[in-house]
C-alpha atoms as a PDB file:
ATOM      1  CA  MET A   1     -55.252 -16.089  32.552  1.00  0.00           C
ATOM      2  CA  LEU A   2     -56.715 -18.811  30.612  1.00  0.00           C
ATOM      3  CA  ALA A   3     -59.686 -20.065  32.232  1.00  0.00           C
ATOM      4  CA  LEU A   4     -58.575 -23.565  33.115  1.00  0.00           C
ATOM      5  CA  PRO A   5     -60.817 -26.909  33.595  1.00  0.00           C
ATOM      6  CA  ILE A   6     -61.615 -27.324  37.012  1.00  0.00           C
ATOM      7  CA  THR A   7     -59.199 -30.215  37.169  1.00  0.00           C
ATOM      8  CA  ILE A   8     -56.123 -28.316  36.617  1.00  0.00           C
ATOM      9  CA  ARG A   9     -54.572 -25.675  38.932  1.00  0.00           C
ATOM     10  CA  ILE A  10     -50.982 -23.844  38.886  1.00  0.00           C
ATOM     11  CA  PRO A  11     -49.371 -25.093  42.470  1.00  0.00           C
ATOM     12  CA  THR A  12     -48.134 -22.350  44.856  1.00  0.00           C
ATOM     13  CA  ASP A  13     -44.428 -21.969  45.034  1.00  0.00           C
ATOM     14  CA  GLN A  14     -44.297 -23.486  48.287  1.00  0.00           C
ATOM     15  CA  GLU A  15     -45.655 -26.653  46.517  1.00  0.00           C
ATOM     16  CA  LEU A  16     -43.008 -27.139  43.803  1.00  0.00           C
ATOM     17  CA  ASP A  17     -40.546 -29.442  44.620  1.00  0.00           C
ATOM     18  CA  HIS A  18     -36.819 -28.285  44.931  1.00  0.00           C
ATOM     19  CA  ARG A  19     -34.621 -28.388  41.962  1.00  0.00           C
ATOM     20  CA  PRO A  20     -31.597 -26.557  41.195  1.00  0.00           C
ATOM     21  CA  ASP A  21     -33.598 -24.617  38.671  1.00  0.00           C
ATOM     22  CA  ILE A  22     -36.214 -23.653  40.804  1.00  0.00           C
ATOM     23  CA  ASP A  23     -35.870 -19.938  40.624  1.00  0.00           C
ATOM     24  CA  GLY A  24     -35.736 -19.736  36.939  1.00  0.00           C
ATOM     25  CA  ILE A  25     -38.637 -21.735  36.737  1.00  0.00           C
ATOM     26  CA  LEU A  26     -40.957 -19.772  39.249  1.00  0.00           C
ATOM     27  CA  HIS A  27     -39.701 -16.368  37.113  1.00  0.00           C
ATOM     28  CA  LYS A  28     -40.601 -17.844  33.930  1.00  0.00           C
ATOM     29  CA  ARG A  29     -43.778 -18.891  35.195  1.00  0.00           C
ATOM     30  CA  ARG A  30     -44.835 -15.681  36.490  1.00  0.00           C
ATOM     31  CA  LYS A  31     -44.340 -14.043  33.044  1.00  0.00           C
ATOM     32  CA  ALA A  32     -45.937 -16.807  30.865  1.00  0.00           C
ATOM     33  CA  ASN A  33     -48.322 -16.035  27.874  1.00  0.00           C
ATOM     34  CA  ILE A  34     -51.154 -18.536  28.888  1.00  0.00           C
ATOM     35  CA  ARG A  35     -54.163 -16.906  27.510  1.00  0.00           C
ATOM     36  CA  GLU A  36     -56.874 -17.299  24.818  1.00  0.00           C
ATOM     37  CA  GLY A  37     -55.102 -17.390  21.175  1.00  0.00           C
ATOM     38  CA  TYR A  38     -53.708 -19.392  18.798  1.00  0.00           C
ATOM     39  CA  LYS A  39     -50.181 -20.000  17.130  1.00  0.00           C
ATOM     40  CA  LEU A  40     -49.964 -21.199  13.368  1.00  0.00           C
ATOM     41  CA  GLU A  41     -47.263 -22.708  11.652  1.00  0.00           C
ATOM     42  CA  LEU A  42     -47.225 -23.255   7.582  1.00  0.00           C
ATOM     43  CA  ASN A  43     -45.943 -26.885   6.490  1.00  0.00           C
ATOM     44  CA  GLU A  44     -42.894 -25.739   4.224  1.00  0.00           C
ATOM     45  CA  ALA A  45     -41.791 -29.470   3.990  1.00  0.00           C
ATOM     46  CA  ARG A  46     -45.279 -31.038   2.915  1.00  0.00           C
ATOM     47  CA  ARG A  47     -44.008 -34.516   3.451  1.00  0.00           C
ATOM     48  CA  LEU A  48     -47.495 -34.739   4.907  1.00  0.00           C
ATOM     49  CA  PRO A  49     -50.665 -33.295   3.092  1.00  0.00           C
ATOM     50  CA  PHE A  50     -51.489 -30.494   5.252  1.00  0.00           C
ATOM     51  CA  ARG A  51     -50.997 -26.660   5.061  1.00  0.00           C
ATOM     52  CA  PHE A  52     -50.810 -25.816   8.440  1.00  0.00           C
ATOM     53  CA  GLN A  53     -50.708 -26.969  12.154  1.00  0.00           C
ATOM     54  CA  ALA A  54     -52.187 -24.291  14.666  1.00  0.00           C
ATOM     55  CA  THR A  55     -52.240 -25.112  18.423  1.00  0.00           C
ATOM     56  CA  ILE A  56     -55.010 -23.152  20.641  1.00  0.00           C
ATOM     57  CA  ASN A  57     -55.914 -22.002  24.069  1.00  0.00           C
ATOM     58  CA  ILE A  58     -59.567 -21.179  24.501  1.00  0.00           C
ATOM     59  CA  ASP A  59     -61.315 -20.860  28.082  1.00  0.00           C
ATOM     60  CA  ASN A  60     -62.397 -24.427  28.687  1.00  0.00           C
ATOM     61  CA  GLY A  61     -65.929 -23.215  29.102  1.00  0.00           C
ATOM     62  CA  ARG A  62     -65.798 -22.484  25.238  1.00  0.00           C
ATOM     63  CA  LEU A  63     -63.736 -25.766  24.755  1.00  0.00           C
ATOM     64  CA  TRP A  64     -66.619 -28.070  23.402  1.00  0.00           C
ATOM     65  CA  GLN A  65     -68.193 -24.943  21.167  1.00  0.00           C
ATOM     66  CA  LEU A  66     -64.778 -24.496  19.455  1.00  0.00           C
ATOM     67  CA  PHE A  67     -64.335 -28.487  18.893  1.00  0.00           C
ATOM     68  CA  LEU A  68     -67.490 -28.711  17.108  1.00  0.00           C
ATOM     69  CA  ALA A  69     -66.851 -25.702  15.035  1.00  0.00           C
ATOM     70  CA  LEU A  70     -63.630 -26.870  14.027  1.00  0.00           C
ATOM     71  CA  ALA A  71     -65.190 -30.726  13.770  1.00  0.00           C
ATOM     72  CA  ALA A  72     -67.323 -28.843  10.906  1.00  0.00           C
ATOM     73  CA  THR A  73     -64.172 -28.569   8.703  1.00  0.00           C
ATOM     74  CA  LEU A  74     -63.908 -32.167   8.271  1.00  0.00           C
ATOM     75  CA  PRO A  75     -65.706 -34.575   5.803  1.00  0.00           C
ATOM     76  CA  GLN A  76     -68.751 -36.488   6.984  1.00  0.00           C
ATOM     77  CA  LYS A  77     -66.673 -39.363   7.184  1.00  0.00           C
ATOM     78  CA  VAL A  78     -63.760 -39.318   9.948  1.00  0.00           C
ATOM     79  CA  SER A  79     -61.846 -41.608  12.380  1.00  0.00           C
ATOM     80  CA  CYS A  80     -62.123 -41.174  16.105  1.00  0.00           C
ATOM     81  CA  VAL A  81     -58.659 -40.837  18.115  1.00  0.00           C
ATOM     82  CA  TYR A  82     -58.893 -41.342  21.568  1.00  0.00           C
ATOM     83  CA  GLY A  83     -57.450 -42.985  24.813  1.00  0.00           C
ATOM     84  CA  LEU A  84     -56.178 -42.534  27.837  1.00  0.00           C
ATOM     85  CA  TYR A  85     -53.162 -39.866  28.521  1.00  0.00           C
ATOM     86  CA  GLU A  86     -49.554 -41.736  28.268  1.00  0.00           C
ATOM     87  CA  GLU A  87     -51.361 -45.357  26.898  1.00  0.00           C
ATOM     88  CA  GLU A  88     -51.511 -45.768  23.005  1.00  0.00           C
ATOM     89  CA  SER A  89     -54.446 -43.937  21.595  1.00  0.00           C
ATOM     90  CA  GLU A  90     -57.193 -46.178  19.554  1.00  0.00           C
ATOM     91  CA  THR A  91     -57.899 -44.906  15.586  1.00  0.00           C
ATOM     92  CA  THR A  92     -61.116 -46.254  14.366  1.00  0.00           C
ATOM     93  CA  ALA A  93     -62.104 -47.132  10.952  1.00  0.00           C
ATOM     94  CA  PHE A  94     -63.820 -44.285   8.800  1.00  0.00           C
ATOM     95  CA  LEU A  95     -67.211 -43.510  10.326  1.00  0.00           C
ATOM     96  CA  GLN A  96     -70.193 -41.370   9.782  1.00  0.00           C
ATOM     97  CA  LYS A  97     -68.997 -37.922  11.674  1.00  0.00           C
ATOM     98  CA  ASP A  98     -72.269 -37.324  13.197  1.00  0.00           C
ATOM     99  CA  PHE A  99     -72.501 -40.474  14.766  1.00  0.00           C
ATOM    100  CA  VAL A 100     -69.014 -40.056  16.457  1.00  0.00           C
ATOM    101  CA  LEU A 101     -69.680 -36.627  17.369  1.00  0.00           C
ATOM    102  CA  ASN A 102     -73.096 -38.007  19.193  1.00  0.00           C
ATOM    103  CA  GLU A 103     -71.292 -40.437  20.893  1.00  0.00           C
ATOM    104  CA  LEU A 104     -68.670 -38.389  22.134  1.00  0.00           C
ATOM    105  CA  GLU A 105     -71.240 -35.714  23.438  1.00  0.00           C
ATOM    106  CA  LYS A 106     -72.498 -38.323  25.913  1.00  0.00           C
ATOM    107  CA  TYR A 107     -69.155 -37.772  27.459  1.00  0.00           C
ATOM    108  CA  ARG A 108     -68.629 -34.187  26.978  1.00  0.00           C
ATOM    109  CA  GLU A 109     -68.071 -33.225  30.909  1.00  0.00           C
ATOM    110  CA  GLU A 110     -65.288 -35.845  31.168  1.00  0.00           C
ATOM    111  CA  LEU A 111     -63.588 -35.382  27.903  1.00  0.00           C
ATOM    112  CA  SER A 112     -63.433 -31.735  28.341  1.00  0.00           C
ATOM    113  CA  GLN A 113     -62.125 -31.957  31.705  1.00  0.00           C
ATOM    114  CA  GLU A 114     -60.827 -34.955  32.860  1.00  0.00           C
ATOM    115  CA  CYS A 115     -56.907 -34.813  31.922  1.00  0.00           C
ATOM    116  CA  GLN A 116     -56.566 -38.453  31.638  1.00  0.00           C
ATOM    117  CA  LEU A 117     -58.639 -38.463  28.440  1.00  0.00           C
ATOM    118  CA  GLU A 118     -57.304 -37.281  25.191  1.00  0.00           C
ATOM    119  CA  PHE A 119     -59.591 -37.360  21.739  1.00  0.00           C
ATOM    120  CA  GLY A 120     -60.151 -36.251  18.635  1.00  0.00           C
ATOM    121  CA  LEU A 121     -61.092 -36.615  14.656  1.00  0.00           C
ATOM    122  CA  LEU A 122     -59.079 -37.373  11.943  1.00  0.00           C
ATOM    123  CA  PHE A 123     -59.463 -37.453   8.060  1.00  0.00           C
ATOM    124  CA  GLN A 124     -56.454 -39.012   6.042  1.00  0.00           C
ATOM    125  CA  THR A 125     -55.936 -39.803   2.480  1.00  0.00           C
ATOM    126  CA  LYS A 126     -53.015 -39.650   0.272  1.00  0.00           C
ATOM    127  CA  GLU A 127     -53.891 -36.174  -0.975  1.00  0.00           C
ATOM    128  CA  VAL A 128     -55.399 -34.461   2.252  1.00  0.00           C
ATOM    129  CA  LEU A 129     -54.648 -34.704   5.941  1.00  0.00           C
ATOM    130  CA  ILE A 130     -57.040 -33.022   8.477  1.00  0.00           C
ATOM    131  CA  GLU A 131     -56.657 -33.602  12.055  1.00  0.00           C
ATOM    132  CA  LEU A 132     -58.497 -32.170  15.220  1.00  0.00           C
ATOM    133  CA  GLY A 133     -57.303 -33.133  18.717  1.00  0.00           C
ATOM    134  CA  VAL A 134     -57.804 -32.191  22.377  1.00  0.00           C
ATOM    135  CA  SER A 135     -54.979 -32.750  24.689  1.00  0.00           C
ATOM    136  CA  GLU A 136     -54.818 -33.833  28.387  1.00  0.00           C
ATOM    137  CA  SER A 137     -54.304 -30.385  29.342  1.00  0.00           C
ATOM    138  CA  LYS A 138     -57.576 -29.262  27.342  1.00  0.00           C
ATOM    139  CA  TYR A 139     -56.097 -27.245  24.552  1.00  0.00           C
ATOM    140  CA  ILE A 140     -56.557 -27.846  20.866  1.00  0.00           C
ATOM    141  CA  ARG A 141     -54.604 -28.984  18.187  1.00  0.00           C
ATOM    142  CA  TYR A 142     -55.534 -28.658  14.512  1.00  0.00           C
ATOM    143  CA  TRP A 143     -53.796 -29.547  11.168  1.00  0.00           C
ATOM    144  CA  GLY A 144     -55.653 -28.216   7.964  1.00  0.00           C
ATOM    145  CA  VAL A 145     -55.791 -27.380   4.762  1.00  0.00           C
ATOM    146  CA  GLU A 146     -58.421 -24.247   4.273  1.00  0.00           C
ATOM    147  CA  LEU A 147     -56.286 -21.827   5.932  1.00  0.00           C
ATOM    148  CA  GLU A 148     -58.571 -18.578   5.218  1.00  0.00           C
ATOM    149  CA  ARG A 149     -61.490 -20.467   6.495  1.00  0.00           C
ATOM    150  CA  PHE A 150     -59.645 -21.246   9.796  1.00  0.00           C
ATOM    151  CA  ARG A 151     -58.602 -17.776  10.455  1.00  0.00           C
ATOM    152  CA  LEU A 152     -62.138 -16.735  10.145  1.00  0.00           C
ATOM    153  CA  LEU A 153     -63.208 -19.202  12.628  1.00  0.00           C
ATOM    154  CA  MET A 154     -60.714 -18.100  15.075  1.00  0.00           C
ATOM    155  CA  GLN A 155     -62.164 -14.542  14.533  1.00  0.00           C
ATOM    156  CA  SER A 156     -65.244 -15.791  14.628  1.00  0.00           C
ATOM    157  CA  PHE A 157     -64.549 -16.902  18.137  1.00  0.00           C
ATOM    158  CA  GLN A 158     -62.507 -13.762  19.138  1.00  0.00           C
ATOM    159  CA  LEU A 159     -59.568 -16.006  19.229  1.00  0.00           C
ATOM    160  CA  PRO A 160     -56.297 -13.742  17.958  1.00  0.00           C
ATOM    161  CA  PRO A 161     -53.182 -15.194  16.638  1.00  0.00           C
ATOM    162  CA  VAL A 162     -50.369 -14.664  19.290  1.00  0.00           C
ATOM    163  CA  GLU A 163     -46.983 -14.600  19.293  1.00  0.00           C
ATOM    164  CA  GLY A 164     -44.736 -16.393  21.964  1.00  0.00           C
ATOM    165  CA  LEU A 165     -48.254 -17.872  23.353  1.00  0.00           C
ATOM    166  CA  GLU A 166     -47.823 -20.894  25.895  1.00  0.00           C
ATOM    167  CA  PHE A 167     -49.585 -23.617  27.016  1.00  0.00           C
ATOM    168  CA  ILE A 168     -50.663 -24.850  30.545  1.00  0.00           C
ATOM    169  CA  ASP A 169     -48.326 -28.390  30.109  1.00  0.00           C
ATOM    170  CA  GLU A 170     -45.204 -26.125  29.703  1.00  0.00           C
ATOM    171  CA  TYR A 171     -45.046 -25.380  33.404  1.00  0.00           C
ATOM    172  CA  PRO A 172     -45.770 -27.387  36.484  1.00  0.00           C
ATOM    173  CA  LYS A 173     -48.952 -28.051  37.726  1.00  0.00           C
ATOM    174  CA  ILE A 174     -51.687 -30.024  39.782  1.00  0.00           C
ATOM    175  CA  VAL A 175     -54.160 -32.111  38.374  1.00  0.00           C
ATOM    176  CA  THR A 176     -57.152 -33.730  40.254  1.00  0.00           C
ATOM    177  CA  PRO A 177     -59.120 -36.499  38.888  1.00  0.00           C
ATOM    178  CA  LEU A 178     -62.757 -35.218  37.657  1.00  0.00           C
ATOM    179  CA  ARG A 179     -64.362 -37.925  39.860  1.00  0.00           C
ATOM    180  CA  GLU A 180     -63.161 -36.013  43.147  1.00  0.00           C
ATOM    181  CA  LEU A 181     -64.266 -32.543  42.078  1.00  0.00           C
ATOM    182  CA  ILE A 182     -67.590 -34.225  40.642  1.00  0.00           C
ATOM    183  CA  PRO A 183     -69.027 -37.858  42.034  1.00  0.00           C
ATOM    184  CA  THR A 184     -71.001 -38.289  39.367  1.00  0.00           C
ATOM    185  CA  ALA A 185     -68.573 -37.982  36.557  1.00  0.00           C
ATOM    186  CA  LYS A 186     -67.463 -41.254  34.924  1.00  0.00           C
ATOM    187  CA  ALA A 187     -63.751 -42.681  35.413  1.00  0.00           C
ATOM    188  CA  PRO A 188     -61.591 -42.027  32.451  1.00  0.00           C
ATOM    189  CA  GLU A 189     -61.233 -46.009  31.835  1.00  0.00           C
ATOM    190  CA  THR A 190     -65.013 -46.270  31.872  1.00  0.00           C
ATOM    191  CA  VAL A 191     -65.264 -43.506  29.154  1.00  0.00           C
ATOM    192  CA  VAL A 192     -62.812 -45.260  27.159  1.00  0.00           C
ATOM    193  CA  TYR A 193     -64.516 -48.254  27.374  1.00  0.00           C
ATOM    194  CA  TYR A 194     -68.210 -47.111  26.652  1.00  0.00           C
ATOM    195  CA  LEU A 195     -66.467 -45.569  23.400  1.00  0.00           C
ATOM    196  CA  ASP A 196     -64.686 -48.883  22.604  1.00  0.00           C
ATOM    197  CA  GLN A 197     -68.498 -50.272  22.798  1.00  0.00           C
ATOM    198  CA  ALA A 198     -70.178 -47.622  20.592  1.00  0.00           C
ATOM    199  CA  PHE A 199     -67.161 -47.965  17.894  1.00  0.00           C
ATOM    200  CA  HIS A 200     -66.938 -51.607  18.238  1.00  0.00           C
ATOM    201  CA  ILE A 201     -63.192 -51.909  19.170  1.00  0.00           C
ATOM    202  CA  ASP A 202     -62.425 -55.270  20.214  1.00  0.00           C
ATOM    203  CA  ARG A 203     -59.332 -54.878  22.515  1.00  0.00           C
ATOM    204  CA  ARG A 204     -59.033 -55.947  26.591  1.00  0.00           C
ATOM    205  CA  PRO A 205     -60.979 -53.890  28.514  1.00  0.00           C
ATOM    206  CA  PRO A 206     -59.422 -51.553  31.060  1.00  0.00           C
ATOM    207  CA  ASP A 207     -60.221 -51.385  34.703  1.00  0.00           C
ATOM    208  CA  VAL A 208     -63.944 -49.903  34.090  1.00  0.00           C
ATOM    209  CA  LEU A 209     -65.716 -48.297  36.847  1.00  0.00           C
ATOM    210  CA  PHE A 210     -69.053 -48.741  36.258  1.00  0.00           C
ATOM    211  CA  ASP A 211     -71.498 -46.238  38.193  1.00  0.00           C
END
């Protein structure tokens, strides 16, 4: 089983709301293929200029390391995409990648474990699209152009291609705010506010909880 962030746990059978198809859900969950690895899909249509798209499960303790390794495949100027789950994400103008990564590093604990936060990097022109994102359930999505480089990087992390790989948000889950588990963690709204300040994003600030 994949090592999940401390903010996510699988509910017991008794914690699941009753529904007509509950027996089928429980049976499918017991056979769930949620483990380290990736699934890959080639871009056959090419309406957008990327070669492939991958979705990657990795133990949460290694998530940030893999994020940085994949970030190295993007050019030196990128947009940062971030925001609160189920709200519209902010996409910055092109910024120096090292600057963006340094700002994200300040909130590494929150970004890698708080399920109200999503974030990533984007490089897009008419000729090339490379995008790296971490979902609210803390697995990685990657759209890229260098397929062999990607496969070698996955090998370096001992992440195999897995047929029928599944992800934690395909099943019922219980999410706990990070601050309830680590009181010193910043609230997700606070992280978004500080990133707005760093990237000079002018919008109505959320209800910030200052620590």
